[in-house]
Protein backbone atom coordinates (compact mmCIF):
# COMPACT_ATOMS: atom_id res chain seq x y z
CA MET A 1 72.92 98.13 101.45
CA ILE A 2 76.80 98.77 101.53
CA ASP A 3 78.04 102.06 101.10
CA THR A 4 81.96 100.68 99.84
CA HIS A 5 83.49 104.27 100.17
CA CYS A 6 82.38 106.83 102.82
CA HIS A 7 85.00 108.84 104.96
CA LEU A 8 82.98 109.08 108.12
CA ASP A 9 85.80 110.34 110.29
CA ALA A 10 86.36 113.62 108.04
CA HIS A 11 85.98 116.57 110.20
CA GLU A 12 82.52 117.90 108.43
CA PHE A 13 80.95 115.14 110.42
CA ASP A 14 82.68 115.85 113.81
CA THR A 15 79.42 117.59 115.42
CA ASP A 16 76.90 115.18 114.30
CA ARG A 17 78.56 111.77 113.37
CA ALA A 18 76.74 109.34 115.56
CA ASP A 19 73.11 111.09 114.17
CA VAL A 20 74.34 110.52 110.67
CA LEU A 21 75.01 106.86 110.83
CA ALA A 22 71.75 106.65 112.62
CA ARG A 23 69.88 108.26 109.82
CA ALA A 24 71.93 105.89 107.21
CA GLN A 25 71.07 102.88 109.01
CA ALA A 26 67.40 103.96 109.41
CA ALA A 27 67.41 104.48 105.52
CA GLY A 28 68.71 100.79 104.90
CA VAL A 29 72.57 101.38 104.83
CA ALA A 30 73.72 98.15 106.98
CA TYR A 31 77.37 98.65 106.84
CA LEU A 32 79.89 101.89 105.68
CA VAL A 33 83.59 100.66 104.21
CA VAL A 34 85.56 103.64 106.03
CA PRO A 35 88.94 104.17 103.80
CA ALA A 36 92.03 105.90 105.62
CA VAL A 37 94.16 108.40 103.38
CA ASN A 38 97.14 108.71 105.32
CA VAL A 39 98.83 107.38 108.66
CA ASP A 40 97.60 110.19 110.54
CA ASN A 41 94.09 109.19 110.15
CA PHE A 42 94.57 105.60 110.83
CA ALA A 43 93.66 105.94 114.47
CA ALA A 44 90.73 108.03 113.62
CA VAL A 45 89.10 105.39 111.38
CA ARG A 46 90.16 102.80 113.72
CA ALA A 47 88.37 104.51 116.75
CA ILE A 48 84.90 105.02 114.59
CA CYS A 49 85.42 101.79 113.49
CA ASP A 50 85.51 100.18 117.11
CA GLN A 51 82.48 102.76 118.23
CA PHE A 52 80.56 101.81 115.53
CA PRO A 53 80.17 98.00 114.35
CA ALA A 54 78.49 99.11 110.97
CA CYS A 55 81.86 100.89 109.93
CA LEU A 56 84.43 98.50 108.71
CA PRO A 57 88.24 99.65 107.79
CA ALA A 58 90.57 100.04 105.27
CA TRP A 59 94.04 101.62 105.96
CA GLY A 60 95.80 103.36 102.80
CA LEU A 61 97.81 106.20 101.60
CA HIS A 62 95.74 108.34 99.03
CA PRO A 63 97.72 109.63 96.66
CA VAL A 64 96.67 113.57 96.97
CA TYR A 65 98.54 113.55 100.08
CA GLU A 66 101.82 112.61 98.06
CA ALA A 67 103.56 115.18 99.73
CA GLN A 68 102.95 114.14 103.03
CA HIS A 69 103.83 110.34 102.62
CA LYS A 70 107.15 109.22 103.98
CA GLU A 71 109.05 105.87 103.23
CA SER A 72 108.36 105.06 106.93
CA ASP A 73 104.67 105.51 106.69
CA LEU A 74 104.87 102.49 104.22
CA GLN A 75 106.31 100.51 107.41
CA GLN A 76 103.73 101.75 109.43
CA LEU A 77 100.89 100.43 107.06
CA ASP A 78 102.09 97.22 107.13
CA ALA A 79 102.30 96.92 110.70
CA TRP A 80 98.56 98.21 110.69
CA LEU A 81 97.85 95.77 108.14
CA HIS A 82 99.26 92.88 110.71
CA MET A 83 97.79 94.55 113.60
CA ARG A 84 94.25 94.44 112.44
CA ARG A 85 93.29 93.11 109.12
CA PRO A 86 90.83 95.45 107.31
CA LEU A 87 88.71 94.68 104.53
CA ALA A 88 90.99 96.27 101.96
CA ILE A 89 94.09 98.63 101.48
CA GLY A 90 92.81 101.78 100.52
CA GLU A 91 92.54 104.53 99.51
CA ILE A 92 95.27 103.99 97.14
CA GLY A 93 95.69 105.00 93.57
CA LEU A 94 96.97 107.83 91.05
CA ASP A 95 95.66 111.25 90.36
CA GLY A 96 96.28 112.73 87.06
CA TRP A 97 93.68 115.34 87.29
CA ASP A 98 95.46 117.69 90.05
CA LYS A 99 98.73 119.07 88.14
CA ARG A 100 100.32 120.26 91.47
CA LEU A 101 100.95 116.42 92.51
CA ASP A 102 104.23 114.87 91.95
CA PHE A 103 103.07 111.78 89.71
CA SER A 104 106.18 109.81 90.26
CA ARG A 105 105.80 109.74 93.84
CA GLN A 106 102.42 108.99 93.67
CA GLU A 107 103.00 106.13 91.47
CA TYR A 108 106.25 104.89 93.73
CA PHE A 109 103.19 104.71 96.93
CA PHE A 110 101.11 103.21 94.65
CA SER A 111 103.30 100.56 93.76
CA ALA A 112 104.56 99.68 97.33
CA GLN A 113 101.18 99.23 98.41
CA LEU A 114 100.17 97.06 95.79
CA GLU A 115 102.72 95.01 96.72
CA LEU A 116 101.63 95.17 100.51
CA ALA A 117 98.00 94.15 98.90
CA ARG A 118 99.67 91.39 97.16
CA SER A 119 101.52 89.73 100.25
CA HIS A 120 98.56 90.48 102.63
CA GLY A 121 96.14 88.76 100.28
CA LEU A 122 93.78 91.94 100.37
CA PRO A 123 91.71 93.72 97.74
CA VAL A 124 92.48 97.56 97.11
CA LEU A 125 90.15 100.48 97.04
CA LEU A 126 91.40 102.44 93.87
CA HIS A 127 91.62 106.22 93.26
CA LEU A 128 92.35 106.37 89.65
CA ARG A 129 91.46 109.95 88.61
CA HIS A 130 92.14 110.99 85.04
CA ALA A 131 94.88 108.04 85.58
CA VAL A 132 93.23 104.82 84.61
CA ASP A 133 95.38 103.29 82.33
CA ALA A 134 98.28 104.02 84.56
CA GLY A 135 96.52 102.38 87.32
CA ILE A 136 95.84 99.27 85.31
CA ASN A 137 99.47 98.98 84.05
CA GLN A 138 100.38 99.09 88.07
CA LEU A 139 97.78 96.64 88.96
CA ARG A 140 98.63 94.36 85.99
CA ARG A 141 102.45 94.76 86.89
CA HIS A 142 101.71 93.42 90.57
CA GLY A 143 99.14 90.94 89.66
CA ILE A 144 96.48 92.43 91.52
CA ARG A 145 93.20 90.77 90.60
CA ARG A 146 90.92 92.13 93.36
CA GLY A 147 89.28 95.44 94.27
CA ILE A 148 87.09 98.34 93.62
CA ALA A 149 87.64 101.18 91.32
CA HIS A 150 86.31 104.02 93.35
CA ALA A 151 84.25 106.98 91.63
CA PHE A 152 84.95 105.28 88.34
CA ASN A 153 84.44 107.54 85.69
CA GLY A 154 86.42 106.31 82.55
CA SER A 155 85.72 104.92 79.37
CA LEU A 156 83.44 101.73 78.75
CA GLN A 157 87.15 100.01 77.38
CA GLN A 158 88.57 100.87 80.62
CA ALA A 159 85.63 99.42 82.21
CA GLU A 160 85.79 96.49 80.88
CA ARG A 161 89.69 96.16 81.32
CA LEU A 162 89.23 96.08 85.03
CA ILE A 163 86.28 94.07 85.09
CA ASP A 164 88.30 91.59 82.91
CA MET A 165 90.71 91.90 85.83
CA GLY A 166 88.63 90.99 88.71
CA PHE A 167 87.48 94.43 89.73
CA LYS A 168 83.86 96.34 90.71
CA LEU A 169 83.13 99.57 90.04
CA GLY A 170 82.01 102.06 92.34
CA PHE A 171 78.99 104.75 91.54
CA GLY A 172 77.56 107.51 93.52
CA GLY A 173 76.18 110.77 93.79
CA ALA A 174 78.22 111.75 90.42
CA ALA A 175 75.78 109.73 88.14
CA THR A 176 72.77 111.40 89.49
CA TYR A 177 73.53 114.59 87.46
CA SER A 178 71.93 115.37 84.23
CA ARG A 179 74.94 116.44 82.50
CA ALA A 180 76.88 113.28 83.66
CA LEU A 181 76.37 111.44 80.46
CA ASN A 182 79.22 109.54 80.03
CA LEU A 183 78.53 107.92 83.71
CA HIS A 184 74.90 106.96 82.37
CA ARG A 185 76.46 105.33 79.80
CA LEU A 186 78.10 103.03 81.92
CA VAL A 187 75.41 102.18 84.43
CA LYS A 188 73.13 101.20 81.57
CA ALA A 189 75.84 99.28 79.70
CA LEU A 190 77.99 97.62 82.28
CA PRO A 191 77.06 94.16 83.51
CA LEU A 192 74.92 94.52 87.03
CA SER A 193 77.62 91.86 88.27
CA SER A 194 80.24 94.93 88.18
CA ILE A 195 78.78 97.55 89.64
CA VAL A 196 78.84 98.47 93.56
CA LEU A 197 77.45 101.56 95.45
CA GLU A 198 79.10 104.27 97.32
CA THR A 199 78.69 107.98 98.24
CA ASP A 200 82.33 109.32 98.97
CA ALA A 201 80.88 111.24 101.81
CA PRO A 202 81.50 114.01 102.66
CA ASP A 203 82.53 114.39 99.06
CA MET A 204 80.80 113.78 95.80
CA SER A 205 77.25 115.01 96.82
CA PRO A 206 74.21 114.15 94.51
CA GLN A 207 72.45 116.76 92.33
CA TRP A 208 69.70 116.92 95.01
CA ALA A 209 72.47 118.28 97.55
CA VAL A 210 74.96 120.13 95.40
CA GLY A 211 76.88 122.24 97.48
CA GLN A 212 76.26 120.49 100.69
CA ARG A 213 77.98 118.09 102.78
CA ASN A 214 77.12 114.54 100.92
CA SER A 215 75.83 111.87 103.85
CA PRO A 216 75.77 108.03 103.53
CA GLU A 217 71.62 108.57 103.99
CA TYR A 218 71.83 109.51 100.49
CA LEU A 219 72.72 105.83 99.51
CA PRO A 220 69.33 104.71 98.98
CA ARG A 221 68.26 107.38 96.50
CA ILE A 222 71.44 106.98 94.67
CA ALA A 223 70.64 103.43 94.33
CA ALA A 224 67.03 104.12 92.99
CA GLU A 225 68.32 106.48 90.21
CA LEU A 226 71.07 103.86 88.94
CA ALA A 227 68.06 101.52 88.82
CA ALA A 228 66.02 104.05 87.20
CA LEU A 229 68.86 104.56 84.53
CA ARG A 230 68.95 100.56 84.22
CA ASP A 231 65.20 100.06 83.85
CA MET A 232 65.18 97.60 86.73
CA ASP A 233 63.72 97.27 90.06
CA VAL A 234 65.80 99.09 92.91
CA ALA A 235 65.59 96.10 95.22
CA ALA A 236 67.04 94.10 92.63
CA LEU A 237 70.30 96.43 91.79
CA VAL A 238 70.64 96.77 95.87
CA SER A 239 71.06 93.15 96.00
CA ALA A 240 73.09 92.59 93.13
CA CYS A 241 75.55 95.33 94.44
CA THR A 242 75.76 94.16 98.01
CA ASP A 243 76.74 90.75 96.85
CA ASN A 244 79.10 92.22 94.53
CA THR A 245 80.64 93.78 97.28
CA ARG A 246 80.91 90.69 99.57
CA THR A 247 82.21 88.85 96.42
CA VAL A 248 84.94 91.33 95.94
CA LEU A 249 86.11 92.31 99.35
CA ASP A 250 85.82 88.40 100.23
CA TRP A 251 83.59 89.60 103.28
CA HIS A 252 81.23 87.27 105.27
CA ASP A 253 79.92 88.71 108.36
């Protein structure tokens, strides 16, 4: 089982990071993709991935930190991509939910990072909160045809557009809530070949851990709830999601 989005470098894990990972592995989570969010945590992500072989890095500039990003950060990102090739560029994208953010600055850094993804031949890990259409337009403009739309919660039509472009869609704890009717419809309707598993730990906790720190050890139970929504065997869902992840990230261990 692969957690395609886990911020294991977050300070919430500083006191028990090794134990968290050990519990996740004991539960059947073989690998975790750990996306960076700004240049200040690139080194922390690298250190964790060096210490724990089950953790694999992605480098990127997250849209919610747009006020912190500088032009020189793009050069640093490019240097890191040359220095240590990651699984993907991420977490990158657009956030239209938080109106305090400068959307034009987000678009600038997103566009620049998509160009780096194109030039380095890497997939992208996308944050497209309330900005799916704008994100799709940018992806098309730069000719990006591979990646994961993390924590997807758009419409079925938007999902189909992303799938047609070569993207997979990440589902996690948010889909375990009884009120998450749109996510339930998506999980049921989308082709199994389009779905990958994620936690987004320490954020986006599942229903049984609401108000608590999310953890990668919850991924098997999340997978079981997604399988129940699709009325299918959980082992078959996990196998398909693992294959989907390896395909979209061009990952061969």
